[in-house]
């Protein structure tokens, strides 16, 4: 509400004098200065999309590539809902790595459809593609890969291989005790037309990740950096704060509750030390009964959630925070396109608080 009042005050000031001359600031650093420094000759840059089934290890691979935790990782499938972008830079290159939601064989609601759209968008804009396959999949790695991109985009599936450089990462090889089985998978995937490379990896143990990065860099076109070399991601801090809270919900609650939950950070306010920064967030669930599950008896479950989330948020932000959580029910939000938009599922960089006044 305070932000709205500030906006109104600004409008009033402009209305008082319609002939106010707006002063334009000169370019940063003087005339003709560039926002980003000139790159060395041969510098490469581009987008690398990571695609795979739920729980194949895509988020673990993104975190291993970046050397830090950006995407949430849990043992439960389908935890990634947004297209998470991480930026990996050195003097000669910059690649924007896109971790996409897991490709399900069937979309059950509007949320699932929105996540599949995110996969399509990532594949369409990528300069190269990394397909992550669970080498230790219960139904075999071959079936894990079968129709993978058909589910993402049936019309383009047959054309995508060969259109852009595509590598298959056979993940979780540390779980495969038979070396001959790994060799068998390598031979199988190398026979697929349009596949540029097959790399056995264990993203969790950082095995083979260097080879994945080297392969991806070799596929990128010449070009300047999209972001400052110091950038780790294009998403705002509040996005990652919400993801950390959501990760803890997946870890601490069971059955349908994590999948019916969405987290919105309403305020992230810096305060002058020794006061800690203030974070206010709301957990939305689909049914009123789930509110009680989140809160727990005498608030014990909510307290544990808040404590666990705060610890990881402080590690991520590298400073102390005061975390204030509340929970509300928003019936049927996963099946409502407007709710999905208000929760930022279409735009993870959305910062305006959800407005549900027109949703019935």
Foldseek 3Di string as FASTA:
>chain_A
DVVVVVVVVVVVVCVVDVPDDDDDDAPPPHPPDDPADDADPQAFEWEEEEAFAWPLCLQLLLCLLLVHHQAFDDNDTFLDQAFFWWWADDRRYIYIYTRATGQDPDQDAQSSVLSLQRNLVRLVRGQEYEYRFACPDPVHRVVRPPCRCCSSPVVCPVPSQQPHAYEYEHEPVVPVPDPVSVVVVLVVVVPDPRHPYYFYAHSNVSGRSVVVVVVRSVSTDDDDDPDHNPGTGPADLQLSLQSLLLSLCVVQDDDCLSVQKGKGWQDFACDDPPDATETEMEIEGADPVSQCVCQDDVSPNVVVSLVSSQVVSCVVVVTHYDYHYHYDYDHPLRRDPLSCVQSQSNHSRDRDHRDCPPPD
